[in-house]
N, C-alpha and C. Protein backbone atom coordinates (compact mmCIF):
# COMPACT_ATOMS: atom_id res chain seq x y z
N MET A 1 -30.79 14.46 -18.26
CA MET A 1 -31.82 15.44 -18.16
C MET A 1 -31.64 16.30 -16.91
N PHE A 2 -31.04 15.74 -15.88
CA PHE A 2 -30.88 16.48 -14.64
C PHE A 2 -29.85 17.60 -14.79
N TYR A 3 -28.81 17.38 -15.57
CA TYR A 3 -27.76 18.37 -15.72
C TYR A 3 -27.81 19.06 -17.08
N SER A 4 -28.91 18.93 -17.78
CA SER A 4 -28.98 19.46 -19.14
C SER A 4 -28.84 20.98 -19.17
N THR A 5 -29.36 21.68 -18.19
CA THR A 5 -29.23 23.13 -18.17
C THR A 5 -27.77 23.54 -18.06
N GLN A 6 -27.01 22.85 -17.21
CA GLN A 6 -25.58 23.14 -17.08
C GLN A 6 -24.84 22.78 -18.38
N ILE A 7 -25.25 21.69 -19.01
CA ILE A 7 -24.62 21.29 -20.27
C ILE A 7 -24.90 22.34 -21.35
N PHE A 8 -26.14 22.82 -21.42
CA PHE A 8 -26.46 23.86 -22.39
C PHE A 8 -25.72 25.16 -22.07
N ASN A 9 -25.56 25.46 -20.78
CA ASN A 9 -24.75 26.64 -20.40
C ASN A 9 -23.32 26.48 -20.88
N SER A 10 -22.76 25.29 -20.71
CA SER A 10 -21.39 25.03 -21.15
C SER A 10 -21.26 25.10 -22.67
N ALA A 11 -22.36 24.80 -23.37
CA ALA A 11 -22.35 24.85 -24.83
C ALA A 11 -22.51 26.27 -25.36
N GLY A 12 -22.75 27.24 -24.47
CA GLY A 12 -22.82 28.62 -24.91
C GLY A 12 -24.17 29.29 -24.77
N LEU A 13 -25.19 28.54 -24.35
CA LEU A 13 -26.49 29.18 -24.13
C LEU A 13 -26.48 29.85 -22.76
N GLU A 14 -27.15 30.96 -22.67
CA GLU A 14 -27.15 31.70 -21.41
C GLU A 14 -28.52 31.65 -20.75
N GLY A 15 -28.55 31.56 -19.44
CA GLY A 15 -29.73 31.69 -18.61
C GLY A 15 -31.00 31.07 -19.12
N ALA A 16 -31.92 31.93 -19.56
CA ALA A 16 -33.24 31.50 -19.98
C ALA A 16 -33.18 30.60 -21.22
N ALA A 17 -32.24 30.86 -22.10
CA ALA A 17 -32.13 30.04 -23.32
C ALA A 17 -31.79 28.59 -22.96
N ALA A 18 -30.92 28.40 -21.96
CA ALA A 18 -30.57 27.05 -21.52
C ALA A 18 -31.77 26.37 -20.89
N GLN A 19 -32.58 27.12 -20.15
CA GLN A 19 -33.77 26.55 -19.53
C GLN A 19 -34.82 26.20 -20.58
N TYR A 20 -34.97 27.04 -21.59
CA TYR A 20 -35.90 26.73 -22.68
C TYR A 20 -35.45 25.51 -23.47
N ALA A 21 -34.15 25.38 -23.66
CA ALA A 21 -33.63 24.21 -24.37
C ALA A 21 -33.89 22.94 -23.57
N THR A 22 -33.75 23.02 -22.25
CA THR A 22 -34.05 21.88 -21.38
C THR A 22 -35.54 21.54 -21.44
N LEU A 23 -36.38 22.55 -21.43
CA LEU A 23 -37.82 22.34 -21.53
C LEU A 23 -38.18 21.70 -22.87
N ALA A 24 -37.58 22.20 -23.95
CA ALA A 24 -37.85 21.63 -25.27
C ALA A 24 -37.39 20.17 -25.34
N MET A 25 -36.27 19.88 -24.73
CA MET A 25 -35.77 18.51 -24.72
C MET A 25 -36.75 17.60 -23.97
N GLY A 26 -37.31 18.06 -22.87
CA GLY A 26 -38.29 17.29 -22.13
C GLY A 26 -39.57 17.06 -22.92
N VAL A 27 -40.03 18.09 -23.62
CA VAL A 27 -41.24 17.96 -24.44
C VAL A 27 -41.02 16.94 -25.56
N VAL A 28 -39.87 17.02 -26.22
CA VAL A 28 -39.56 16.06 -27.29
C VAL A 28 -39.50 14.65 -26.72
N ASN A 29 -38.93 14.50 -25.53
CA ASN A 29 -38.84 13.20 -24.88
C ASN A 29 -40.23 12.62 -24.64
N VAL A 30 -41.15 13.41 -24.13
CA VAL A 30 -42.52 12.94 -23.87
C VAL A 30 -43.23 12.59 -25.17
N LEU A 31 -43.11 13.46 -26.17
CA LEU A 31 -43.77 13.19 -27.46
C LEU A 31 -43.24 11.92 -28.11
N MET A 32 -41.94 11.71 -28.07
CA MET A 32 -41.37 10.52 -28.68
C MET A 32 -41.74 9.25 -27.91
N THR A 33 -42.06 9.38 -26.62
CA THR A 33 -42.55 8.24 -25.87
C THR A 33 -43.88 7.76 -26.43
N PHE A 34 -44.76 8.70 -26.75
CA PHE A 34 -46.05 8.32 -27.33
C PHE A 34 -45.88 7.76 -28.74
N VAL A 35 -44.96 8.34 -29.51
CA VAL A 35 -44.69 7.81 -30.85
C VAL A 35 -44.17 6.38 -30.75
N SER A 36 -43.29 6.13 -29.79
CA SER A 36 -42.73 4.78 -29.66
C SER A 36 -43.80 3.77 -29.23
N LEU A 37 -44.74 4.19 -28.41
CA LEU A 37 -45.83 3.29 -28.02
C LEU A 37 -46.63 2.84 -29.24
N VAL A 38 -46.96 3.77 -30.10
CA VAL A 38 -47.72 3.44 -31.31
C VAL A 38 -46.87 2.58 -32.24
N LEU A 39 -45.60 2.92 -32.39
CA LEU A 39 -44.72 2.19 -33.29
C LEU A 39 -44.51 0.75 -32.82
N ILE A 40 -44.39 0.55 -31.52
CA ILE A 40 -44.22 -0.80 -30.98
C ILE A 40 -45.46 -1.64 -31.25
N GLU A 41 -46.63 -1.04 -31.13
CA GLU A 41 -47.86 -1.79 -31.38
C GLU A 41 -48.01 -2.16 -32.85
N LYS A 42 -47.58 -1.27 -33.75
CA LYS A 42 -47.74 -1.54 -35.18
C LYS A 42 -46.67 -2.47 -35.73
N ALA A 43 -45.40 -2.20 -35.41
CA ALA A 43 -44.30 -2.94 -36.03
C ALA A 43 -43.90 -4.17 -35.23
N GLY A 44 -44.07 -4.13 -33.94
CA GLY A 44 -43.68 -5.25 -33.11
C GLY A 44 -42.28 -5.07 -32.53
N ARG A 45 -42.07 -5.70 -31.38
CA ARG A 45 -40.81 -5.53 -30.67
C ARG A 45 -39.64 -6.18 -31.42
N LYS A 46 -39.83 -7.37 -31.93
CA LYS A 46 -38.73 -8.07 -32.60
C LYS A 46 -38.26 -7.31 -33.85
N THR A 47 -39.20 -6.80 -34.61
CA THR A 47 -38.84 -6.04 -35.81
C THR A 47 -38.06 -4.79 -35.44
N LEU A 48 -38.53 -4.07 -34.43
CA LEU A 48 -37.83 -2.86 -34.01
C LEU A 48 -36.46 -3.16 -33.44
N MET A 49 -36.32 -4.28 -32.73
CA MET A 49 -35.01 -4.68 -32.20
C MET A 49 -34.05 -4.97 -33.35
N ALA A 50 -34.53 -5.67 -34.38
CA ALA A 50 -33.69 -6.01 -35.52
C ALA A 50 -33.28 -4.76 -36.28
N VAL A 51 -34.21 -3.85 -36.49
CA VAL A 51 -33.90 -2.60 -37.20
C VAL A 51 -32.91 -1.77 -36.39
N GLY A 52 -33.13 -1.67 -35.09
CA GLY A 52 -32.20 -0.93 -34.23
C GLY A 52 -30.81 -1.53 -34.24
N LEU A 53 -30.73 -2.86 -34.20
CA LEU A 53 -29.43 -3.54 -34.26
C LEU A 53 -28.72 -3.24 -35.57
N ALA A 54 -29.45 -3.27 -36.67
CA ALA A 54 -28.86 -2.99 -37.97
C ALA A 54 -28.34 -1.56 -38.05
N ILE A 55 -29.11 -0.62 -37.53
CA ILE A 55 -28.69 0.79 -37.55
C ILE A 55 -27.47 1.00 -36.67
N MET A 56 -27.44 0.38 -35.49
CA MET A 56 -26.27 0.51 -34.62
C MET A 56 -25.03 -0.11 -35.26
N PHE A 57 -25.20 -1.24 -35.97
CA PHE A 57 -24.09 -1.89 -36.64
C PHE A 57 -23.50 -0.97 -37.72
N VAL A 58 -24.38 -0.39 -38.53
CA VAL A 58 -23.93 0.51 -39.60
C VAL A 58 -23.25 1.74 -39.00
N ALA A 59 -23.81 2.31 -37.94
CA ALA A 59 -23.22 3.48 -37.31
C ALA A 59 -21.85 3.16 -36.73
N THR A 60 -21.70 1.99 -36.13
CA THR A 60 -20.41 1.59 -35.58
C THR A 60 -19.37 1.42 -36.68
N ILE A 61 -19.76 0.82 -37.79
CA ILE A 61 -18.85 0.67 -38.92
C ILE A 61 -18.44 2.04 -39.46
N MET A 62 -19.39 2.97 -39.55
CA MET A 62 -19.08 4.31 -40.05
C MET A 62 -18.11 5.03 -39.12
N ILE A 63 -18.30 4.91 -37.81
CA ILE A 63 -17.39 5.52 -36.85
C ILE A 63 -16.00 4.91 -36.99
N MET A 64 -15.94 3.59 -37.14
CA MET A 64 -14.66 2.91 -37.29
C MET A 64 -13.93 3.40 -38.54
N VAL A 65 -14.66 3.53 -39.65
CA VAL A 65 -14.05 4.01 -40.89
C VAL A 65 -13.52 5.43 -40.72
N CYS A 66 -14.30 6.28 -40.09
CA CYS A 66 -13.86 7.66 -39.85
C CYS A 66 -12.61 7.70 -38.99
N LEU A 67 -12.56 6.89 -37.95
CA LEU A 67 -11.39 6.87 -37.08
C LEU A 67 -10.16 6.33 -37.81
N ILE A 68 -10.35 5.35 -38.67
CA ILE A 68 -9.23 4.84 -39.46
C ILE A 68 -8.71 5.91 -40.41
N PHE A 69 -9.61 6.62 -41.09
CA PHE A 69 -9.19 7.70 -41.98
C PHE A 69 -8.48 8.80 -41.21
N ALA A 70 -8.96 9.13 -40.02
CA ALA A 70 -8.33 10.15 -39.21
C ALA A 70 -6.93 9.71 -38.79
N GLN A 71 -6.76 8.44 -38.49
CA GLN A 71 -5.46 7.93 -38.10
C GLN A 71 -4.49 7.92 -39.28
N VAL A 72 -4.99 7.54 -40.44
CA VAL A 72 -4.16 7.50 -41.65
C VAL A 72 -3.70 8.92 -42.01
N ASN A 73 -4.58 9.89 -41.86
CA ASN A 73 -4.26 11.27 -42.20
C ASN A 73 -3.61 12.02 -41.06
N ASN A 74 -3.36 11.35 -39.94
CA ASN A 74 -2.77 11.96 -38.74
C ASN A 74 -3.55 13.17 -38.28
N THR A 75 -4.86 13.07 -38.35
CA THR A 75 -5.74 14.16 -37.93
C THR A 75 -6.11 13.96 -36.47
N GLN A 76 -6.04 15.01 -35.70
CA GLN A 76 -6.39 14.95 -34.28
C GLN A 76 -7.89 15.08 -34.14
N ILE A 77 -8.51 14.14 -33.44
CA ILE A 77 -9.97 14.17 -33.24
C ILE A 77 -10.28 14.75 -31.89
């Protein structure tokens, strides 16, 4: 979050647009904090940990498959 304006500048946004993108990112961060508070109270920590673990496992497998296909096809990533 500290270097987000520079990162957005590097991504092609200029001046005020990079600052607005940083502001929007901060607003989303605050809003999702409140959403997570409600979600933790309703679903419980253990359930959310298990769901998060399952999603990370699937994402890791998908990345591995993509990298294997890229290697087989000699594609530069």
